[in-house]
Amino acid sequence: MAPHTILIVDDTPDHRDILARLLRATGYRVLEATPAEVLDRANGERPDLILFALSLPGQHAWETARQLHTIPALAATPILGSTLYPTLIKRSRVHTIGCVDYIDKPFDLDDLLDRIAGLLRTTALAA
């Protein structure tokens, strides 16, 4: 069975790189994109899950995350939002843009891996 594919979306190359290394080490196939690249990358690659950094400057990431679910091939792809600003983000707002959940940065690696595995399991059961 092929490994699940996770698309990491973050403005910061170092953040993407560190997270990609960790996820690859646990057996996932990993793709990377900036918020400006994600629509084309996700539509072309069709990942199993998108880990999306919800950067607050400019709110561009929020609109882009919302647009992902307008692409029919990605409508069922879970988006796990991540943020450095958990006190400023309300769970209800994250859901309105299409994220199934969000996780605080810096990540607790075990929590992140558990959430990813749970979302992938739930998506597989729904298919």
Protein backbone atom coordinates (compact mmCIF):
# COMPACT_ATOMS: atom_id res chain seq x y z
CA MET A 1 0.00 0.00 0.00
CA ALA A 2 1.34 3.42 -0.96
CA PRO A 3 2.05 5.87 1.85
CA HIS A 4 -0.40 8.69 2.45
CA THR A 5 0.54 12.00 0.88
CA ILE A 6 0.58 15.14 3.02
CA LEU A 7 0.90 18.60 1.52
CA ILE A 8 2.58 21.09 3.85
CA VAL A 9 1.61 24.70 3.20
CA ASP A 10 3.67 27.38 4.91
CA ASP A 11 5.24 30.73 3.98
CA THR A 12 8.48 29.87 5.76
CA PRO A 13 10.82 27.45 3.95
CA ASP A 14 12.52 26.37 7.20
CA HIS A 15 9.17 25.46 8.77
CA ARG A 16 8.20 23.40 5.72
CA ASP A 17 11.59 21.68 5.64
CA ILE A 18 11.62 20.67 9.30
CA LEU A 19 8.06 19.40 9.20
CA ALA A 20 8.66 17.57 5.92
CA ARG A 21 11.67 15.76 7.38
CA LEU A 22 9.70 14.69 10.44
CA LEU A 23 6.74 13.44 8.42
CA ARG A 24 8.93 11.61 5.91
CA ALA A 25 10.74 9.91 8.80
CA THR A 26 7.39 8.52 9.97
CA GLY A 27 6.58 7.10 6.53
CA TYR A 28 4.48 9.76 4.81
CA ARG A 29 4.99 11.01 1.28
CA VAL A 30 5.39 14.77 1.67
CA LEU A 31 4.82 17.66 -0.72
CA GLU A 32 5.50 21.31 0.05
CA ALA A 33 3.94 24.58 -1.12
CA THR A 34 3.54 28.21 -0.20
CA PRO A 35 0.00 29.61 0.09
CA ALA A 36 0.49 31.15 -3.38
CA GLU A 37 1.34 27.73 -4.89
CA VAL A 38 -1.06 25.50 -3.03
CA LEU A 39 -4.11 25.62 -5.31
CA ASP A 40 -2.17 24.40 -8.34
CA ARG A 41 -0.03 21.97 -6.35
CA ALA A 42 -2.96 20.40 -4.49
CA ASN A 43 -5.09 20.09 -7.62
CA GLY A 44 -2.23 18.49 -9.54
CA GLU A 45 -1.03 16.13 -6.80
CA ARG A 46 -4.29 15.43 -4.90
CA PRO A 47 -2.83 14.90 -1.41
CA ASP A 48 -4.60 12.83 1.23
CA LEU A 49 -4.30 15.64 3.80
CA ILE A 50 -3.24 19.29 3.76
CA LEU A 51 -1.39 20.77 6.72
CA PHE A 52 -1.96 24.50 6.26
CA ALA A 53 -0.22 27.28 8.22
CA LEU A 54 -2.83 29.96 8.84
CA SER A 55 -0.52 32.94 8.87
CA LEU A 56 -2.29 36.06 10.07
CA PRO A 57 -0.48 38.75 8.03
CA GLY A 58 -2.69 39.71 5.10
CA GLN A 59 -5.23 36.93 5.66
CA HIS A 60 -4.25 35.51 2.25
CA ALA A 61 -3.83 32.04 3.73
CA TRP A 62 -7.41 32.07 5.07
CA GLU A 63 -8.89 32.84 1.66
CA THR A 64 -6.67 30.29 -0.05
CA ALA A 65 -7.69 27.58 2.43
CA ARG A 66 -11.33 28.41 1.73
CA GLN A 67 -10.72 28.13 -2.04
CA LEU A 68 -9.25 24.62 -1.74
CA HIS A 69 -12.68 23.13 -1.09
CA THR A 70 -14.13 24.79 -4.19
CA ILE A 71 -12.00 22.43 -6.30
CA PRO A 72 -14.18 19.31 -6.77
CA ALA A 73 -11.25 16.87 -6.60
CA LEU A 74 -10.22 18.34 -3.21
CA ALA A 75 -13.64 18.80 -1.64
CA ALA A 76 -13.19 15.82 0.69
CA THR A 77 -9.50 16.39 1.46
CA PRO A 78 -9.07 17.23 5.14
CA ILE A 79 -7.24 20.44 5.97
CA LEU A 80 -5.51 20.67 9.33
CA GLY A 81 -4.77 24.31 10.07
CA SER A 82 -1.80 25.33 12.18
CA THR A 83 -1.11 28.59 13.96
CA LEU A 84 1.37 30.41 16.13
CA TYR A 85 -1.51 32.53 17.45
CA PRO A 86 -3.94 30.12 19.15
CA THR A 87 -5.48 32.78 21.37
CA LEU A 88 -6.46 34.84 18.33
CA ILE A 89 -8.03 31.99 16.39
CA LYS A 90 -11.46 30.69 17.17
CA ARG A 91 -12.24 27.10 16.32
CA SER A 92 -15.49 28.16 14.65
CA ARG A 93 -13.62 30.50 12.30
CA VAL A 94 -11.21 27.74 11.31
CA HIS A 95 -14.16 25.48 10.43
CA THR A 96 -15.79 28.17 8.29
CA ILE A 97 -12.79 28.21 5.96
CA GLY A 98 -12.82 24.44 5.55
CA CYS A 99 -10.30 23.22 8.11
CA VAL A 100 -11.44 20.15 10.00
CA ASP A 101 -9.29 21.18 12.95
CA TYR A 102 -6.24 23.20 13.89
CA ILE A 103 -3.13 22.63 15.93
CA ASP A 104 -0.91 25.10 17.74
CA LYS A 105 2.69 25.81 16.81
CA PRO A 106 5.18 24.85 17.98
CA PHE A 107 3.89 21.34 17.45
CA ASP A 108 3.88 18.57 19.96
CA LEU A 109 5.05 15.91 17.51
CA ASP A 110 3.08 13.06 19.08
CA ASP A 111 -0.11 15.16 19.04
CA LEU A 112 0.47 16.18 15.43
CA LEU A 113 1.06 12.59 14.30
CA ASP A 114 -2.00 11.38 16.22
CA ARG A 115 -4.21 14.03 14.63
CA ILE A 116 -2.91 13.31 11.15
CA ALA A 117 -3.44 9.56 11.58
CA GLY A 118 -6.94 10.14 12.95
CA LEU A 119 -7.93 12.42 10.07
CA LEU A 120 -6.58 9.97 7.50
CA ARG A 121 -8.47 7.11 9.16
CA THR A 122 -11.69 9.11 9.22
CA THR A 123 -11.29 10.06 5.57
CA ALA A 124 -10.63 6.44 4.58
CA LEU A 125 -13.74 5.27 6.44
CA ALA A 126 -15.88 7.89 4.73
CA ALA A 127 -14.67 6.90 1.24
